[in-house]
């Protein structure tokens, strides 16, 4: 049974690694090769001369909000899987200990963000 699961995992990893390579290869083979003009690759293609740099200062608070969203999104998925595992496990003590430690780490991170004032603008 374990060998079958490892075979599935191996096939999944091979497919996951081969997919981007195959997509890039197909793109390289099928994409038309049009030589680009020097002016066409500048920041603005409407005939205006670019003023200043094309890089804009990015507000770090948006990045922080995105990180918080991803953390809580993953947390929600893990809690759903944890709730599902209650049906499958007979000894609940290790399951509760692991999830308690995980929840404490997440709460520590949230309180750290709040103390630093990172989430004050949300």
C-alpha atoms as a PDB file:
ATOM      1  CA  UNK A   1       0.000   0.000   0.000  1.00  0.00           C
ATOM      2  CA  UNK A   2       2.824   2.390   0.913  1.00  0.00           C
ATOM      3  CA  UNK A   3       4.646   1.629  -2.351  1.00  0.00           C
ATOM      4  CA  UNK A   4       1.510   2.506  -4.314  1.00  0.00           C
ATOM      5  CA  UNK A   5       1.220   5.845  -2.514  1.00  0.00           C
ATOM      6  CA  UNK A   6       4.885   6.633  -3.148  1.00  0.00           C
ATOM      7  CA  UNK A   7       4.412   5.757  -6.827  1.00  0.00           C
ATOM      8  CA  UNK A   8       1.540   8.224  -7.039  1.00  0.00           C
ATOM      9  CA  UNK A   9       3.633  10.864  -5.292  1.00  0.00           C
ATOM     10  CA  UNK A  10       6.534  10.257  -7.667  1.00  0.00           C
ATOM     11  CA  UNK A  11       4.284  10.528 -10.720  1.00  0.00           C
ATOM     12  CA  UNK A  12       2.749  13.714  -9.347  1.00  0.00           C
ATOM     13  CA  UNK A  13       6.185  15.268  -8.773  1.00  0.00           C
ATOM     14  CA  UNK A  14       7.395  14.267 -12.248  1.00  0.00           C
ATOM     15  CA  UNK A  15       4.274  15.720 -13.866  1.00  0.00           C
ATOM     16  CA  UNK A  16       4.558  18.878 -11.772  1.00  0.00           C
ATOM     17  CA  UNK A  17       8.161  19.433 -12.782  1.00  0.00           C
ATOM     18  CA  UNK A  18       7.715  18.441 -16.438  1.00  0.00           C
ATOM     19  CA  UNK A  19       4.662  20.650 -17.077  1.00  0.00           C
ATOM     20  CA  UNK A  20       6.392  24.069 -16.973  1.00  0.00           C
ATOM     21  CA  UNK A  21       9.280  22.758 -19.044  1.00  0.00           C
ATOM     22  CA  UNK A  22       6.913  21.363 -21.673  1.00  0.00           C
ATOM     23  CA  UNK A  23       4.897  24.601 -21.756  1.00  0.00           C
ATOM     24  CA  UNK A  24       8.024  26.729 -22.275  1.00  0.00           C
ATOM     25  CA  UNK A  25       9.239  24.363 -24.991  1.00  0.00           C
ATOM     26  CA  UNK A  26       5.903  24.513 -26.819  1.00  0.00           C
ATOM     27  CA  UNK A  27       5.858  28.289 -26.480  1.00  0.00           C
ATOM     28  CA  UNK A  28       9.375  28.538 -27.909  1.00  0.00           C
ATOM     29  CA  UNK A  29       8.511  26.289 -30.847  1.00  0.00           C
ATOM     30  CA  UNK A  30       5.134  27.828 -31.741  1.00  0.00           C
ATOM     31  CA  UNK A  31       5.603  31.523 -30.954  1.00  0.00           C
ATOM     32  CA  UNK A  32       6.294  33.746 -33.945  1.00  0.00           C
ATOM     33  CA  UNK A  33       9.704  35.373 -33.940  1.00  0.00           C
ATOM     34  CA  UNK A  34       9.157  39.042 -34.697  1.00  0.00           C
ATOM     35  CA  UNK A  35      12.209  41.259 -34.374  1.00  0.00           C
ATOM     36  CA  UNK A  36      11.458  44.064 -31.963  1.00  0.00           C
ATOM     37  CA  UNK A  37      12.308  47.637 -32.749  1.00  0.00           C
ATOM     38  CA  UNK A  38      14.253  49.601 -30.163  1.00  0.00           C
ATOM     39  CA  UNK A  39      11.489  52.186 -29.731  1.00  0.00           C
ATOM     40  CA  UNK A  40       8.788  49.513 -29.417  1.00  0.00           C
ATOM     41  CA  UNK A  41      10.386  48.059 -26.327  1.00  0.00           C
ATOM     42  CA  UNK A  42      10.523  51.327 -24.397  1.00  0.00           C
ATOM     43  CA  UNK A  43       8.200  52.143 -21.526  1.00  0.00           C
ATOM     44  CA  UNK A  44       5.668  54.056 -23.635  1.00  0.00           C
ATOM     45  CA  UNK A  45       4.857  53.092 -27.191  1.00  0.00           C
ATOM     46  CA  UNK A  46       2.635  56.049 -28.065  1.00  0.00           C
ATOM     47  CA  UNK A  47       5.412  58.322 -29.314  1.00  0.00           C
ATOM     48  CA  UNK A  48       5.907  60.222 -26.063  1.00  0.00           C
ATOM     49  CA  UNK A  49       9.320  60.251 -24.506  1.00  0.00           C
ATOM     50  CA  UNK A  50       9.360  58.566 -21.113  1.00  0.00           C
ATOM     51  CA  UNK A  51       9.790  60.879 -18.137  1.00  0.00           C
ATOM     52  CA  UNK A  52      11.493  59.448 -15.089  1.00  0.00           C
ATOM     53  CA  UNK A  53      11.759  55.822 -14.099  1.00  0.00           C
ATOM     54  CA  UNK A  54       9.183  53.163 -14.867  1.00  0.00           C
ATOM     55  CA  UNK A  55       9.480  51.774 -11.349  1.00  0.00           C
ATOM     56  CA  UNK A  56       6.882  52.993  -8.889  1.00  0.00           C
ATOM     57  CA  UNK A  57       7.288  52.982  -5.125  1.00  0.00           C
ATOM     58  CA  UNK A  58       5.192  50.134  -3.796  1.00  0.00           C
ATOM     59  CA  UNK A  59       3.459  50.470  -0.458  1.00  0.00           C
ATOM     60  CA  UNK A  60       4.654  47.653   1.808  1.00  0.00           C
ATOM     61  CA  UNK A  61       1.296  47.540   3.608  1.00  0.00           C
ATOM     62  CA  UNK A  62      -0.313  45.933   0.551  1.00  0.00           C
ATOM     63  CA  UNK A  63       2.315  43.204   0.638  1.00  0.00           C
ATOM     64  CA  UNK A  64       1.697  42.690   4.366  1.00  0.00           C
ATOM     65  CA  UNK A  65      -2.035  42.399   3.753  1.00  0.00           C
ATOM     66  CA  UNK A  66      -1.389  39.798   1.040  1.00  0.00           C
ATOM     67  CA  UNK A  67       0.861  37.779   3.357  1.00  0.00           C
ATOM     68  CA  UNK A  68      -1.741  37.882   6.137  1.00  0.00           C
ATOM     69  CA  UNK A  69      -4.410  36.740   3.670  1.00  0.00           C
ATOM     70  CA  UNK A  70      -2.289  33.811   2.472  1.00  0.00           C
ATOM     71  CA  UNK A  71      -1.446  32.774   6.049  1.00  0.00           C
ATOM     72  CA  UNK A  72      -5.089  32.727   7.079  1.00  0.00           C
ATOM     73  CA  UNK A  73      -6.097  31.000   3.858  1.00  0.00           C
ATOM     74  CA  UNK A  74      -3.630  28.180   4.539  1.00  0.00           C
ATOM     75  CA  UNK A  75      -4.723  28.144   8.182  1.00  0.00           C
ATOM     76  CA  UNK A  76      -8.339  27.636   7.134  1.00  0.00           C
ATOM     77  CA  UNK A  77      -7.400  24.709   4.899  1.00  0.00           C
ATOM     78  CA  UNK A  78      -5.340  23.100   7.656  1.00  0.00           C
ATOM     79  CA  UNK A  79      -8.159  23.495  10.187  1.00  0.00           C
ATOM     80  CA  UNK A  80     -10.601  21.869   7.770  1.00  0.00           C
ATOM     81  CA  UNK A  81      -8.227  18.935   7.257  1.00  0.00           C
ATOM     82  CA  UNK A  82      -7.727  18.747  11.009  1.00  0.00           C
ATOM     83  CA  UNK A  83     -11.473  18.593  11.572  1.00  0.00           C
ATOM     84  CA  UNK A  84     -11.782  15.855   8.947  1.00  0.00           C
ATOM     85  CA  UNK A  85      -9.056  13.790  10.608  1.00  0.00           C
ATOM     86  CA  UNK A  86     -11.140  13.438  13.784  1.00  0.00           C
ATOM     87  CA  UNK A  87     -13.118  10.713  12.018  1.00  0.00           C
ATOM     88  CA  UNK A  88     -10.013   8.769  11.021  1.00  0.00           C
ATOM     89  CA  UNK A  89      -7.921   8.887  14.206  1.00  0.00           C
ATOM     90  CA  UNK A  90      -8.755   6.891  17.319  1.00  0.00           C
ATOM     91  CA  UNK A  91      -6.229   8.504  19.710  1.00  0.00           C
ATOM     92  CA  UNK A  92      -6.956  12.227  19.660  1.00  0.00           C
ATOM     93  CA  UNK A  93      -4.278  13.348  22.123  1.00  0.00           C
ATOM     94  CA  UNK A  94      -1.388  13.782  19.629  1.00  0.00           C
ATOM     95  CA  UNK A  95      -3.743  15.421  17.156  1.00  0.00           C
ATOM     96  CA  UNK A  96      -4.886  17.983  19.715  1.00  0.00           C
ATOM     97  CA  UNK A  97      -1.327  18.668  20.879  1.00  0.00           C
ATOM     98  CA  UNK A  98      -0.018  19.279  17.366  1.00  0.00           C
ATOM     99  CA  UNK A  99      -2.916  21.533  16.410  1.00  0.00           C
ATOM    100  CA  UNK A 100      -2.646  23.378  19.724  1.00  0.00           C
ATOM    101  CA  UNK A 101       1.033  24.118  19.077  1.00  0.00           C
ATOM    102  CA  UNK A 102       0.243  25.164  15.500  1.00  0.00           C
ATOM    103  CA  UNK A 103      -2.580  27.443  16.640  1.00  0.00           C
ATOM    104  CA  UNK A 104      -0.366  28.973  19.330  1.00  0.00           C
ATOM    105  CA  UNK A 105       2.311  29.773  16.743  1.00  0.00           C
ATOM    106  CA  UNK A 106      -0.238  31.402  14.448  1.00  0.00           C
ATOM    107  CA  UNK A 107      -1.706  33.436  17.319  1.00  0.00           C
ATOM    108  CA  UNK A 108       1.807  34.472  18.371  1.00  0.00           C
ATOM    109  CA  UNK A 109       2.385  35.755  14.831  1.00  0.00           C
ATOM    110  CA  UNK A 110      -0.900  37.687  14.815  1.00  0.00           C
ATOM    111  CA  UNK A 111      -0.177  39.292  18.190  1.00  0.00           C
ATOM    112  CA  UNK A 112       3.322  40.149  16.986  1.00  0.00           C
ATOM    113  CA  UNK A 113       1.847  41.862  13.889  1.00  0.00           C
ATOM    114  CA  UNK A 114      -0.638  43.758  16.039  1.00  0.00           C
ATOM    115  CA  UNK A 115       2.055  44.842  18.513  1.00  0.00           C
ATOM    116  CA  UNK A 116       4.315  46.070  15.696  1.00  0.00           C
ATOM    117  CA  UNK A 117       1.372  48.075  14.311  1.00  0.00           C
ATOM    118  CA  UNK A 118       1.480  46.318  10.963  1.00  0.00           C
ATOM    119  CA  UNK A 119      -2.236  45.561  10.927  1.00  0.00           C
ATOM    120  CA  UNK A 120      -3.375  48.917  12.283  1.00  0.00           C
ATOM    121  CA  UNK A 121      -4.350  50.287   8.866  1.00  0.00           C
ATOM    122  CA  UNK A 122      -6.490  47.254   7.901  1.00  0.00           C
END
